[in-house]
Amino acid sequence: AASARMGCSTLLITNNSLKIGEMSCNPSIGGLGKGHLVREIDALDGVIAKAIDNAGIQFRMLNASKGPAVRGLRAQADRKLYKQAIKSLLRKERNLKIFEAEVIDFKIDKKKSIHGVVLSNKEIVSCETVVLTTGTFLNGLIHIGDKKIPAGRVGEKATYGISKTFKKYGFNLGRMKTGTPPRIANKSINFKKLKRQDSDEKI
């Protein structure tokens, strides 16, 4: 979206176009860890904050009783509404097209300059610049107890082609853990004993 707004002819290549705007199991934007990042993206006219304005169901300032250094604005989202908002914002970008495919390699010349990407069907998409967003899909692995399942998210396959390409060009690959909290059965909770937590009236 950013490159399209700058006037560049932009192609967004994604494994599954239906999953654009898909949120994690904890659908929130901001918070103590990434709140500053969301604000920086928003300052550059990014789409995250615009989408959450249309999809937010609760807005709170975390640690409001403590000093400014540890406060963090967090918005909980309706996952379906957020997904709709992201897709709507992307559709408005005139210079942006979306293409469903898997990128497995780069087209690189002898001077080590990228001139395109190679798709899983061996088709080459020529370009001047590549922006790679890895997410959790590159060489992705899900741990459930003692089981290990190759996947990007549950129900979605991981991608391995680009991982092999990075190794080929001498990059060191590592793995970052994204922990998922255990689920609690709705029927096991006595909601009458819980304190209601509404959105902040003023942010």
N, C-alpha and C. Protein backbone atom coordinates (compact mmCIF):
# COMPACT_ATOMS: atom_id res chain seq x y z
N ALA A 1 0.83 -1.20 0.00
CA ALA A 1 0.00 0.00 0.00
C ALA A 1 0.87 1.26 0.00
N ALA A 2 1.95 1.23 0.77
CA ALA A 2 2.84 2.40 0.85
C ALA A 2 3.49 2.67 -0.50
N SER A 3 4.03 1.63 -1.14
CA SER A 3 4.69 1.84 -2.44
C SER A 3 3.69 2.26 -3.51
N ALA A 4 2.47 1.73 -3.43
CA ALA A 4 1.43 2.11 -4.39
C ALA A 4 1.06 3.58 -4.24
N ARG A 5 0.99 4.06 -3.01
CA ARG A 5 0.67 5.48 -2.76
C ARG A 5 1.78 6.39 -3.25
N MET A 6 3.01 5.86 -3.29
CA MET A 6 4.14 6.65 -3.78
C MET A 6 4.17 6.72 -5.31
N GLY A 7 3.23 6.03 -5.95
CA GLY A 7 3.15 6.07 -7.41
C GLY A 7 3.82 4.90 -8.09
N CYS A 8 4.33 3.94 -7.31
CA CYS A 8 4.99 2.76 -7.90
C CYS A 8 3.95 1.73 -8.31
N SER A 9 4.17 1.10 -9.44
CA SER A 9 3.31 0.00 -9.87
C SER A 9 3.65 -1.20 -8.98
N THR A 10 2.72 -1.64 -8.16
CA THR A 10 3.00 -2.60 -7.10
C THR A 10 2.16 -3.87 -7.26
N LEU A 11 2.82 -5.01 -7.13
CA LEU A 11 2.13 -6.30 -7.18
C LEU A 11 2.32 -6.99 -5.83
N LEU A 12 1.21 -7.28 -5.15
CA LEU A 12 1.25 -8.01 -3.89
C LEU A 12 1.03 -9.49 -4.20
N ILE A 13 2.08 -10.30 -4.00
CA ILE A 13 1.98 -11.74 -4.25
C ILE A 13 1.80 -12.44 -2.91
N THR A 14 0.74 -13.22 -2.80
CA THR A 14 0.42 -13.89 -1.54
C THR A 14 -0.04 -15.32 -1.81
N ASN A 15 0.28 -16.21 -0.88
CA ASN A 15 -0.12 -17.62 -1.04
C ASN A 15 -1.63 -17.79 -1.15
N ASN A 16 -2.37 -17.00 -0.37
CA ASN A 16 -3.83 -17.13 -0.32
C ASN A 16 -4.45 -15.75 -0.16
N SER A 17 -5.04 -15.24 -1.22
CA SER A 17 -5.60 -13.89 -1.18
C SER A 17 -6.78 -13.78 -0.22
N LEU A 18 -7.43 -14.91 0.07
CA LEU A 18 -8.57 -14.90 1.01
C LEU A 18 -8.11 -14.63 2.45
N LYS A 19 -6.81 -14.81 2.71
CA LYS A 19 -6.28 -14.66 4.06
C LYS A 19 -5.68 -13.27 4.31
N ILE A 20 -5.77 -12.37 3.33
CA ILE A 20 -5.25 -11.02 3.54
C ILE A 20 -6.02 -10.35 4.67
N GLY A 21 -5.30 -9.80 5.64
CA GLY A 21 -5.95 -9.17 6.79
C GLY A 21 -6.30 -10.14 7.90
N GLU A 22 -5.88 -11.41 7.76
CA GLU A 22 -6.16 -12.42 8.80
C GLU A 22 -5.40 -12.07 10.07
N MET A 23 -6.12 -12.04 11.19
CA MET A 23 -5.48 -11.72 12.47
C MET A 23 -5.14 -12.99 13.23
N SER A 24 -4.28 -12.85 14.22
CA SER A 24 -3.87 -13.99 15.04
C SER A 24 -4.98 -14.39 16.00
N CYS A 25 -4.68 -15.41 16.82
CA CYS A 25 -5.67 -15.90 17.78
C CYS A 25 -5.95 -14.86 18.87
N ASN A 26 -5.05 -13.92 19.07
CA ASN A 26 -5.29 -12.81 19.99
C ASN A 26 -5.40 -11.54 19.15
N PRO A 27 -6.61 -11.25 18.66
CA PRO A 27 -6.76 -10.16 17.67
C PRO A 27 -6.71 -8.78 18.29
N SER A 28 -5.49 -8.28 18.48
CA SER A 28 -5.34 -6.94 19.04
C SER A 28 -4.30 -6.16 18.24
N ILE A 29 -4.42 -4.85 18.30
CA ILE A 29 -3.48 -3.94 17.65
C ILE A 29 -2.92 -3.02 18.72
N GLY A 30 -1.60 -2.87 18.74
CA GLY A 30 -0.98 -1.99 19.72
C GLY A 30 -0.51 -2.77 20.93
N GLY A 31 -0.61 -2.16 22.11
CA GLY A 31 -0.12 -2.78 23.34
C GLY A 31 1.27 -2.29 23.69
N LEU A 32 1.83 -2.85 24.75
CA LEU A 32 3.13 -2.38 25.26
C LEU A 32 4.26 -2.67 24.28
N GLY A 33 4.25 -3.84 23.65
CA GLY A 33 5.36 -4.24 22.79
C GLY A 33 5.35 -3.59 21.43
N LYS A 34 4.19 -3.57 20.78
CA LYS A 34 4.16 -3.11 19.40
C LYS A 34 3.34 -1.84 19.18
N GLY A 35 2.88 -1.22 20.27
CA GLY A 35 2.10 0.01 20.14
C GLY A 35 2.86 1.13 19.45
N HIS A 36 4.15 1.27 19.78
CA HIS A 36 4.98 2.32 19.17
C HIS A 36 5.15 2.06 17.68
N LEU A 37 5.25 0.76 17.30
CA LEU A 37 5.41 0.42 15.89
C LEU A 37 4.15 0.77 15.10
N VAL A 38 2.98 0.50 15.68
CA VAL A 38 1.72 0.84 15.02
C VAL A 38 1.62 2.35 14.82
N ARG A 39 2.05 3.11 15.81
CA ARG A 39 2.00 4.58 15.70
C ARG A 39 2.95 5.09 14.62
N GLU A 40 4.12 4.47 14.51
CA GLU A 40 5.06 4.88 13.46
C GLU A 40 4.50 4.58 12.08
N ILE A 41 3.88 3.40 11.93
CA ILE A 41 3.26 3.04 10.65
C ILE A 41 2.12 4.01 10.34
N ASP A 42 1.35 4.37 11.36
CA ASP A 42 0.24 5.30 11.17
C ASP A 42 0.74 6.68 10.76
N ALA A 43 1.86 7.10 11.35
CA ALA A 43 2.44 8.40 11.00
C ALA A 43 2.87 8.45 9.54
N LEU A 44 3.20 7.28 8.98
CA LEU A 44 3.58 7.18 7.58
C LEU A 44 2.36 6.88 6.69
N ASP A 45 1.16 7.04 7.25
CA ASP A 45 -0.10 6.84 6.53
C ASP A 45 -0.34 5.37 6.19
N GLY A 46 0.10 4.48 7.09
CA GLY A 46 -0.14 3.05 6.90
C GLY A 46 -1.60 2.68 7.13
N VAL A 47 -1.93 1.42 6.87
CA VAL A 47 -3.35 1.02 6.90
C VAL A 47 -3.78 0.35 8.21
N ILE A 48 -2.82 -0.04 9.07
CA ILE A 48 -3.19 -0.77 10.29
C ILE A 48 -4.15 0.04 11.17
N ALA A 49 -3.76 1.26 11.50
CA ALA A 49 -4.59 2.08 12.40
C ALA A 49 -5.92 2.44 11.76
N LYS A 50 -5.93 2.65 10.44
CA LYS A 50 -7.19 2.95 9.75
C LYS A 50 -8.14 1.76 9.83
N ALA A 51 -7.58 0.56 9.69
CA ALA A 51 -8.40 -0.65 9.74
C ALA A 51 -8.97 -0.87 11.13
N ILE A 52 -8.15 -0.63 12.16
CA ILE A 52 -8.64 -0.87 13.52
C ILE A 52 -9.69 0.16 13.91
N ASP A 53 -9.64 1.36 13.32
CA ASP A 53 -10.70 2.35 13.56
C ASP A 53 -12.06 1.80 13.14
N ASN A 54 -12.07 0.96 12.10
CA ASN A 54 -13.32 0.40 11.59
C ASN A 54 -13.66 -0.95 12.20
N ALA A 55 -12.71 -1.56 12.92
CA ALA A 55 -12.93 -2.92 13.41
C ALA A 55 -12.75 -3.08 14.91
N GLY A 56 -12.36 -2.00 15.60
CA GLY A 56 -12.10 -2.09 17.04
C GLY A 56 -13.36 -2.30 17.86
N ILE A 57 -13.27 -3.18 18.86
CA ILE A 57 -14.42 -3.43 19.74
C ILE A 57 -14.12 -3.02 21.18
N GLN A 58 -12.83 -2.81 21.51
CA GLN A 58 -12.46 -2.30 22.82
C GLN A 58 -11.12 -1.58 22.74
N PHE A 59 -11.08 -0.37 23.29
CA PHE A 59 -9.85 0.43 23.28
C PHE A 59 -9.47 0.74 24.73
N ARG A 60 -8.24 0.39 25.11
CA ARG A 60 -7.80 0.64 26.48
C ARG A 60 -6.35 1.11 26.50
N MET A 61 -6.06 1.98 27.47
CA MET A 61 -4.68 2.37 27.74
C MET A 61 -4.16 1.46 28.85
N LEU A 62 -3.26 0.54 28.50
CA LEU A 62 -2.70 -0.37 29.48
C LEU A 62 -1.75 0.37 30.42
N ASN A 63 -1.74 -0.06 31.68
CA ASN A 63 -0.88 0.55 32.73
C ASN A 63 -1.16 2.04 32.90
N ALA A 64 -2.42 2.43 32.78
CA ALA A 64 -2.78 3.86 32.86
C ALA A 64 -2.45 4.45 34.23
N SER A 65 -2.40 3.62 35.27
CA SER A 65 -2.13 4.13 36.63
C SER A 65 -0.64 4.31 36.88
N LYS A 66 0.19 3.90 35.91
CA LYS A 66 1.64 4.00 36.08
C LYS A 66 2.20 5.10 35.19
N GLY A 67 3.51 5.22 35.16
CA GLY A 67 4.16 6.31 34.42
C GLY A 67 4.02 6.16 32.92
N PRO A 68 4.21 7.27 32.18
CA PRO A 68 4.04 7.28 30.72
C PRO A 68 4.92 6.26 29.99
N ALA A 69 6.09 5.94 30.55
CA ALA A 69 7.02 5.05 29.86
C ALA A 69 6.49 3.64 29.69
N VAL A 70 5.57 3.22 30.58
CA VAL A 70 5.06 1.84 30.50
C VAL A 70 3.59 1.76 30.07
N ARG A 71 3.04 2.88 29.63
CA ARG A 71 1.66 2.85 29.14
C ARG A 71 1.64 2.41 27.68
N GLY A 72 0.58 1.75 27.31
CA GLY A 72 0.47 1.29 25.93
C GLY A 72 -0.99 1.20 25.49
N LEU A 73 -1.31 1.87 24.40
CA LEU A 73 -2.67 1.84 23.87
C LEU A 73 -2.89 0.53 23.12
N ARG A 74 -3.98 -0.17 23.46
CA ARG A 74 -4.28 -1.43 22.80
C ARG A 74 -5.74 -1.45 22.36
N ALA A 75 -5.96 -1.95 21.15
CA ALA A 75 -7.31 -2.08 20.62
C ALA A 75 -7.58 -3.55 20.32
N GLN A 76 -8.64 -4.09 20.90
CA GLN A 76 -9.09 -5.44 20.53
C GLN A 76 -9.98 -5.32 19.30
N ALA A 77 -9.84 -6.26 18.39
CA ALA A 77 -10.55 -6.15 17.11
C ALA A 77 -11.54 -7.28 16.90
N ASP A 78 -12.54 -7.00 16.10
CA ASP A 78 -13.38 -8.05 15.53
C ASP A 78 -12.63 -8.57 14.31
N ARG A 79 -12.24 -9.84 14.33
CA ARG A 79 -11.37 -10.39 13.28
C ARG A 79 -11.98 -10.26 11.89
N LYS A 80 -13.28 -10.50 11.77
CA LYS A 80 -13.94 -10.43 10.46
C LYS A 80 -13.99 -8.99 9.95
N LEU A 81 -14.31 -8.06 10.86
CA LEU A 81 -14.37 -6.65 10.45
C LEU A 81 -12.99 -6.12 10.07
N TYR A 82 -11.95 -6.55 10.80
CA TYR A 82 -10.60 -6.09 10.50
C TYR A 82 -10.18 -6.58 9.12
N LYS A 83 -10.47 -7.83 8.84
CA LYS A 83 -10.13 -8.42 7.54
C LYS A 83 -10.83 -7.65 6.41
N GLN A 84 -12.11 -7.36 6.62
CA GLN A 84 -12.88 -6.59 5.63
C GLN A 84 -12.29 -5.20 5.43
N ALA A 85 -11.88 -4.58 6.55
CA ALA A 85 -11.33 -3.22 6.48
C ALA A 85 -10.02 -3.19 5.70
N ILE A 86 -9.13 -4.16 5.95
CA ILE A 86 -7.85 -4.22 5.24
C ILE A 86 -8.09 -4.40 3.75
N LYS A 87 -8.95 -5.32 3.38
CA LYS A 87 -9.22 -5.58 1.96
C LYS A 87 -9.83 -4.35 1.28
N SER A 88 -10.70 -3.66 2.00
CA SER A 88 -11.32 -2.45 1.46
C SER A 88 -10.28 -1.36 1.22
N LEU A 89 -9.35 -1.19 2.15
CA LEU A 89 -8.30 -0.18 2.02
C LEU A 89 -7.36 -0.51 0.86
N LEU A 90 -7.03 -1.80 0.69
CA LEU A 90 -6.13 -2.20 -0.40
C LEU A 90 -6.80 -2.02 -1.77
N ARG A 91 -8.10 -2.28 -1.82
CA ARG A 91 -8.82 -2.12 -3.10
C ARG A 91 -8.82 -0.68 -3.58
N LYS A 92 -8.68 0.26 -2.67
CA LYS A 92 -8.71 1.68 -3.03
C LYS A 92 -7.39 2.17 -3.64
N GLU A 93 -6.33 1.36 -3.50
CA GLU A 93 -5.03 1.76 -4.02
C GLU A 93 -4.96 1.50 -5.53
N ARG A 94 -4.89 2.56 -6.32
CA ARG A 94 -4.94 2.43 -7.79
C ARG A 94 -3.73 1.70 -8.36
N ASN A 95 -2.57 1.85 -7.74
CA ASN A 95 -1.34 1.26 -8.28
C ASN A 95 -1.03 -0.12 -7.71
N LEU A 96 -2.00 -0.70 -6.99
CA LEU A 96 -1.77 -1.98 -6.33
C LEU A 96 -2.63 -3.08 -6.94
N LYS A 97 -1.97 -4.19 -7.33
CA LYS A 97 -2.68 -5.37 -7.81
C LYS A 97 -2.30 -6.55 -6.91
N ILE A 98 -3.22 -7.48 -6.73
CA ILE A 98 -3.00 -8.64 -5.88
C ILE A 98 -2.97 -9.90 -6.74
N PHE A 99 -1.95 -10.73 -6.51
CA PHE A 99 -1.77 -11.95 -7.30
C PHE A 99 -1.52 -13.12 -6.36
N GLU A 100 -2.25 -14.20 -6.56
CA GLU A 100 -2.13 -15.37 -5.69
C GLU A 100 -1.13 -16.37 -6.27
N ALA A 101 -0.01 -16.55 -5.57
CA ALA A 101 1.03 -17.48 -5.99
C ALA A 101 2.03 -17.63 -4.86
N GLU A 102 2.94 -18.62 -5.02
CA GLU A 102 4.01 -18.81 -4.04
C GLU A 102 5.34 -18.45 -4.68
N VAL A 103 6.06 -17.55 -4.02
CA VAL A 103 7.39 -17.16 -4.48
C VAL A 103 8.41 -18.12 -3.89
N ILE A 104 9.26 -18.71 -4.76
CA ILE A 104 10.24 -19.69 -4.27
C ILE A 104 11.69 -19.25 -4.47
N ASP A 105 11.90 -18.22 -5.28
CA ASP A 105 13.28 -17.82 -5.56
C ASP A 105 13.29 -16.40 -6.13
N PHE A 106 14.50 -15.85 -6.27
CA PHE A 106 14.67 -14.53 -6.87
C PHE A 106 15.41 -14.66 -8.21
N LYS A 107 15.14 -13.73 -9.09
CA LYS A 107 15.91 -13.64 -10.33
C LYS A 107 17.03 -12.64 -10.07
N ILE A 108 18.27 -13.13 -10.00
CA ILE A 108 19.41 -12.31 -9.61
C ILE A 108 20.49 -12.37 -10.70
N ASP A 109 21.02 -11.20 -11.06
CA ASP A 109 22.05 -11.18 -12.10
C ASP A 109 23.44 -11.38 -11.50
N LYS A 110 24.46 -11.34 -12.34
CA LYS A 110 25.83 -11.59 -11.90
C LYS A 110 26.34 -10.52 -10.94
N LYS A 111 25.69 -9.34 -10.96
CA LYS A 111 26.10 -8.26 -10.06
C LYS A 111 25.34 -8.32 -8.73
N LYS A 112 24.62 -9.42 -8.53
CA LYS A 112 23.84 -9.65 -7.30
C LYS A 112 22.68 -8.68 -7.15
N SER A 113 22.13 -8.22 -8.27
CA SER A 113 20.96 -7.33 -8.24
C SER A 113 19.71 -8.15 -8.56
N ILE A 114 18.64 -7.90 -7.82
CA ILE A 114 17.37 -8.61 -8.04
C ILE A 114 16.61 -7.96 -9.19
N HIS A 115 16.14 -8.79 -10.09
CA HIS A 115 15.35 -8.30 -11.22
C HIS A 115 13.97 -8.96 -11.30
N GLY A 116 13.62 -9.75 -10.30
CA GLY A 116 12.31 -10.38 -10.32
C GLY A 116 12.23 -11.51 -9.30
N VAL A 117 11.07 -12.15 -9.27
CA VAL A 117 10.86 -13.30 -8.39
C VAL A 117 10.42 -14.50 -9.22
N VAL A 118 10.76 -15.69 -8.73
CA VAL A 118 10.39 -16.93 -9.40
C VAL A 118 9.26 -17.58 -8.62
N LEU A 119 8.18 -17.93 -9.32
CA LEU A 119 7.04 -18.56 -8.67
C LEU A 119 7.18 -20.07 -8.68
N SER A 120 6.33 -20.76 -7.91
CA SER A 120 6.41 -22.21 -7.79
C SER A 120 6.16 -22.92 -9.11
N ASN A 121 5.46 -22.26 -10.04
CA ASN A 121 5.22 -22.86 -11.37
C ASN A 121 6.33 -22.49 -12.36
N LYS A 122 7.45 -21.92 -11.82
CA LYS A 122 8.65 -21.51 -12.58
C LYS A 122 8.45 -20.22 -13.38
N GLU A 123 7.27 -19.62 -13.29
CA GLU A 123 7.04 -18.33 -13.96
C GLU A 123 7.86 -17.25 -13.27
N ILE A 124 8.38 -16.30 -14.03
CA ILE A 124 9.17 -15.20 -13.48
C ILE A 124 8.37 -13.90 -13.57
N VAL A 125 8.28 -13.21 -12.46
CA VAL A 125 7.65 -11.89 -12.43
C VAL A 125 8.77 -10.87 -12.32
N SER A 126 8.97 -10.09 -13.37
CA SER A 126 10.05 -9.10 -13.39
C SER A 126 9.70 -7.88 -12.55
N CYS A 127 10.70 -7.30 -11.92
CA CYS A 127 10.48 -6.10 -11.11
C CYS A 127 11.81 -5.43 -10.82
N GLU A 128 11.74 -4.22 -10.30
CA GLU A 128 12.94 -3.48 -9.94
C GLU A 128 13.28 -3.63 -8.45
N THR A 129 12.25 -3.87 -7.65
CA THR A 129 12.43 -3.93 -6.20
C THR A 129 11.55 -5.03 -5.62
N VAL A 130 12.06 -5.74 -4.61
CA VAL A 130 11.29 -6.77 -3.91
C VAL A 130 11.24 -6.41 -2.43
N VAL A 131 10.05 -6.44 -1.86
CA VAL A 131 9.87 -6.29 -0.42
C VAL A 131 9.33 -7.63 0.09
N LEU A 132 10.10 -8.29 0.94
CA LEU A 132 9.71 -9.61 1.42
C LEU A 132 9.17 -9.51 2.84
N THR A 133 7.94 -9.99 3.06
CA THR A 133 7.35 -10.02 4.39
C THR A 133 7.20 -11.49 4.78
N THR A 134 7.95 -11.93 5.77
CA THR A 134 8.05 -13.36 6.06
C THR A 134 6.94 -13.89 6.95
N GLY A 135 6.52 -13.10 7.92
CA GLY A 135 5.50 -13.59 8.85
C GLY A 135 5.97 -14.86 9.54
N THR A 136 5.07 -15.82 9.71
CA THR A 136 5.40 -17.08 10.39
C THR A 136 5.45 -18.25 9.41
N PHE A 137 5.50 -17.95 8.11
CA PHE A 137 5.33 -19.00 7.11
C PHE A 137 6.63 -19.61 6.59
N LEU A 138 7.73 -18.84 6.59
CA LEU A 138 8.98 -19.37 6.05
C LEU A 138 9.48 -20.52 6.90
N ASN A 139 9.52 -21.72 6.31
CA ASN A 139 9.98 -22.90 7.03
C ASN A 139 9.19 -23.08 8.33
N GLY A 140 7.89 -22.74 8.29
CA GLY A 140 7.06 -22.69 9.49
C GLY A 140 6.84 -24.05 10.13
N LEU A 141 6.74 -24.03 11.47
CA LEU A 141 6.54 -25.26 12.22
C LEU A 141 5.66 -24.96 13.43
N ILE A 142 4.63 -25.78 13.62
CA ILE A 142 3.73 -25.61 14.77
C ILE A 142 3.95 -26.77 15.74
N HIS A 143 4.11 -26.43 17.02
CA HIS A 143 4.27 -27.45 18.07
C HIS A 143 2.95 -27.56 18.84
N ILE A 144 2.38 -28.75 18.88
CA ILE A 144 1.19 -29.02 19.70
C ILE A 144 1.53 -30.23 20.57
N GLY A 145 1.88 -29.96 21.83
CA GLY A 145 2.37 -31.04 22.69
C GLY A 145 3.68 -31.56 22.13
N ASP A 146 3.76 -32.88 21.93
CA ASP A 146 4.97 -33.48 21.37
C ASP A 146 4.94 -33.52 19.85
N LYS A 147 3.85 -33.08 19.24
CA LYS A 147 3.72 -33.14 17.78
C LYS A 147 4.32 -31.89 17.14
N LYS A 148 4.93 -32.09 15.97
CA LYS A 148 5.45 -30.98 15.17
C LYS A 148 4.76 -31.03 13.81
N ILE A 149 4.11 -29.92 13.44
CA ILE A 149 3.34 -29.88 12.20
C ILE A 149 3.89 -28.77 11.31
N PRO A 150 4.38 -29.09 10.11
CA PRO A 150 4.81 -28.03 9.18
C PRO A 150 3.60 -27.19 8.76
N ALA A 151 3.62 -25.90 9.11
CA ALA A 151 2.49 -25.02 8.80
C ALA A 151 2.89 -23.57 9.03
N GLY A 152 2.17 -22.65 8.37
CA GLY A 152 2.36 -21.23 8.61
C GLY A 152 1.48 -20.78 9.76
N ARG A 153 0.19 -21.05 9.62
CA ARG A 153 -0.79 -20.97 10.69
C ARG A 153 -1.55 -22.28 10.65
N VAL A 154 -2.38 -22.55 11.65
CA VAL A 154 -3.15 -23.80 11.65
C VAL A 154 -4.02 -23.84 10.40
N GLY A 155 -3.90 -24.92 9.64
CA GLY A 155 -4.70 -25.07 8.43
C GLY A 155 -4.08 -24.45 7.20
N GLU A 156 -2.90 -23.82 7.34
CA GLU A 156 -2.23 -23.18 6.20
C GLU A 156 -0.81 -23.72 6.07
N LYS A 157 -0.44 -24.04 4.85
CA LYS A 157 0.87 -24.65 4.63
C LYS A 157 2.00 -23.63 4.77
N ALA A 158 3.16 -24.14 5.19
CA ALA A 158 4.35 -23.31 5.29
C ALA A 158 4.97 -23.16 3.90
N THR A 159 5.92 -22.23 3.77
CA THR A 159 6.64 -22.06 2.51
C THR A 159 8.12 -22.39 2.73
N TYR A 160 8.69 -23.14 1.80
CA TYR A 160 10.07 -23.60 1.97
C TYR A 160 11.02 -23.10 0.88
N GLY A 161 10.48 -22.72 -0.26
CA GLY A 161 11.33 -22.30 -1.37
C GLY A 161 12.23 -21.13 -1.05
N ILE A 162 11.66 -20.08 -0.47
CA ILE A 162 12.44 -18.88 -0.15
C ILE A 162 13.46 -19.19 0.95
N SER A 163 13.13 -20.08 1.88
CA SER A 163 14.08 -20.46 2.92
C SER A 163 15.33 -21.09 2.30
N LYS A 164 15.11 -21.98 1.32
CA LYS A 164 16.24 -22.61 0.62
C LYS A 164 17.06 -21.57 -0.14
N THR A 165 16.37 -20.59 -0.70
CA THR A 165 17.06 -19.52 -1.43
C THR A 165 17.97 -18.72 -0.51
N PHE A 166 17.47 -18.38 0.69
CA PHE A 166 18.28 -17.65 1.66
C PHE A 166 19.54 -18.44 2.04
N LYS A 167 19.36 -19.72 2.26
CA LYS A 167 20.52 -20.57 2.60
C LYS A 167 21.53 -20.59 1.46
N LYS A 168 21.00 -20.66 0.23
CA LYS A 168 21.86 -20.69 -0.95
C LYS A 168 22.74 -19.45 -1.04
N TYR A 169 22.20 -18.30 -0.61
CA TYR A 169 22.94 -17.05 -0.69
C TYR A 169 23.67 -16.70 0.61
N GLY A 170 23.76 -17.68 1.51
CA GLY A 170 24.61 -17.50 2.69
C GLY A 170 23.97 -16.85 3.90
N PHE A 171 22.65 -16.70 3.90
CA PHE A 171 21.98 -16.12 5.07
C PHE A 171 21.82 -17.17 6.16
N ASN A 172 21.96 -16.74 7.41
CA ASN A 172 21.70 -17.64 8.54
C ASN A 172 20.21 -17.59 8.88
N LEU A 173 19.60 -18.75 8.97
CA LEU A 173 18.18 -18.83 9.28
C LEU A 173 17.98 -19.25 10.73
N GLY A 174 17.05 -18.62 11.40
CA GLY A 174 16.71 -18.98 12.77
C GLY A 174 15.21 -19.13 12.91
N ARG A 175 14.78 -19.38 14.12
CA ARG A 175 13.35 -19.54 14.36
C ARG A 175 12.95 -18.73 15.59
N MET A 176 11.87 -17.98 15.47
CA MET A 176 11.37 -17.21 16.60
C MET A 176 10.07 -17.85 17.09
N LYS A 177 9.93 -17.92 18.39
CA LYS A 177 8.75 -18.56 18.98
C LYS A 177 7.59 -17.57 19.09
N THR A 178 6.43 -17.98 18.63
CA THR A 178 5.21 -17.18 18.81
C THR A 178 4.24 -18.03 19.62
N GLY A 179 4.27 -17.88 20.93
CA GLY A 179 3.48 -18.74 21.82
C GLY A 179 1.99 -18.47 21.74
N THR A 180 1.21 -19.52 21.73
CA THR A 180 -0.25 -19.42 21.74
C THR A 180 -0.75 -19.89 23.10
N PRO A 181 -1.52 -19.07 23.82
CA PRO A 181 -1.99 -19.48 25.15
C PRO A 181 -3.01 -20.60 25.06
N PRO A 182 -3.11 -21.41 26.10
CA PRO A 182 -4.10 -22.50 26.09
C PRO A 182 -5.52 -21.94 26.08
N ARG A 183 -6.44 -22.67 25.47
CA ARG A 183 -7.83 -22.25 25.41
C ARG A 183 -8.59 -22.72 26.66
N ILE A 184 -9.57 -21.93 27.08
CA ILE A 184 -10.42 -22.29 28.22
C ILE A 184 -11.84 -22.48 27.71
N ALA A 185 -12.46 -23.59 28.08
CA ALA A 185 -13.83 -23.87 27.64
C ALA A 185 -14.78 -22.84 28.22
N ASN A 186 -15.60 -22.24 27.37
CA ASN A 186 -16.55 -21.20 27.77
C ASN A 186 -17.44 -21.68 28.93
N LYS A 187 -17.88 -22.92 28.87
CA LYS A 187 -18.82 -23.45 29.87
C LYS A 187 -18.16 -23.64 31.24
N SER A 188 -16.82 -23.62 31.27
CA SER A 188 -16.13 -23.83 32.54
C SER A 188 -15.94 -22.54 33.33
N ILE A 189 -16.36 -21.41 32.76
CA ILE A 189 -16.13 -20.10 33.38
C ILE A 189 -17.42 -19.60 34.05
N ASN A 190 -17.31 -19.18 35.29
CA ASN A 190 -18.43 -18.54 35.98
C ASN A 190 -18.31 -17.03 35.78
N PHE A 191 -18.97 -16.52 34.75
CA PHE A 191 -18.84 -15.12 34.39
C PHE A 191 -19.38 -14.17 35.46
N LYS A 192 -20.27 -14.67 36.34
CA LYS A 192 -20.84 -13.83 37.39
C LYS A 192 -19.78 -13.38 38.40
N LYS A 193 -18.69 -14.15 38.50
CA LYS A 193 -17.63 -13.82 39.46
C LYS A 193 -16.54 -12.94 38.83
N LEU A 194 -16.68 -12.65 37.54
CA LEU A 194 -15.68 -11.86 36.85
C LEU A 194 -16.07 -10.39 36.82
N LYS A 195 -15.08 -9.53 36.83
CA LYS A 195 -15.31 -8.09 36.78
C LYS A 195 -15.37 -7.65 35.32
N ARG A 196 -16.41 -6.92 34.96
CA ARG A 196 -16.56 -6.41 33.59
C ARG A 196 -15.50 -5.33 33.32
N GLN A 197 -14.89 -5.41 32.16
CA GLN A 197 -13.86 -4.43 31.80
C GLN A 197 -14.26 -3.77 30.48
N ASP A 198 -14.77 -2.55 30.56
CA ASP A 198 -15.22 -1.81 29.38
C ASP A 198 -14.06 -1.05 28.76
N SER A 199 -14.32 -0.51 27.56
CA SER A 199 -13.33 0.35 26.91
C SER A 199 -13.15 1.63 27.73
N ASP A 200 -11.98 2.25 27.57
CA ASP A 200 -11.76 3.55 28.18
C ASP A 200 -12.67 4.57 27.50
N GLU A 201 -13.24 5.46 28.29
CA GLU A 201 -14.12 6.49 27.71
C GLU A 201 -13.32 7.49 26.91
N LYS A 202 -12.12 7.83 27.39
CA LYS A 202 -11.26 8.77 26.69
C LYS A 202 -9.87 8.17 26.54
N ILE A 203 -9.32 8.26 25.34
CA ILE A 203 -7.98 7.76 25.09
C ILE A 203 -7.06 8.96 24.83
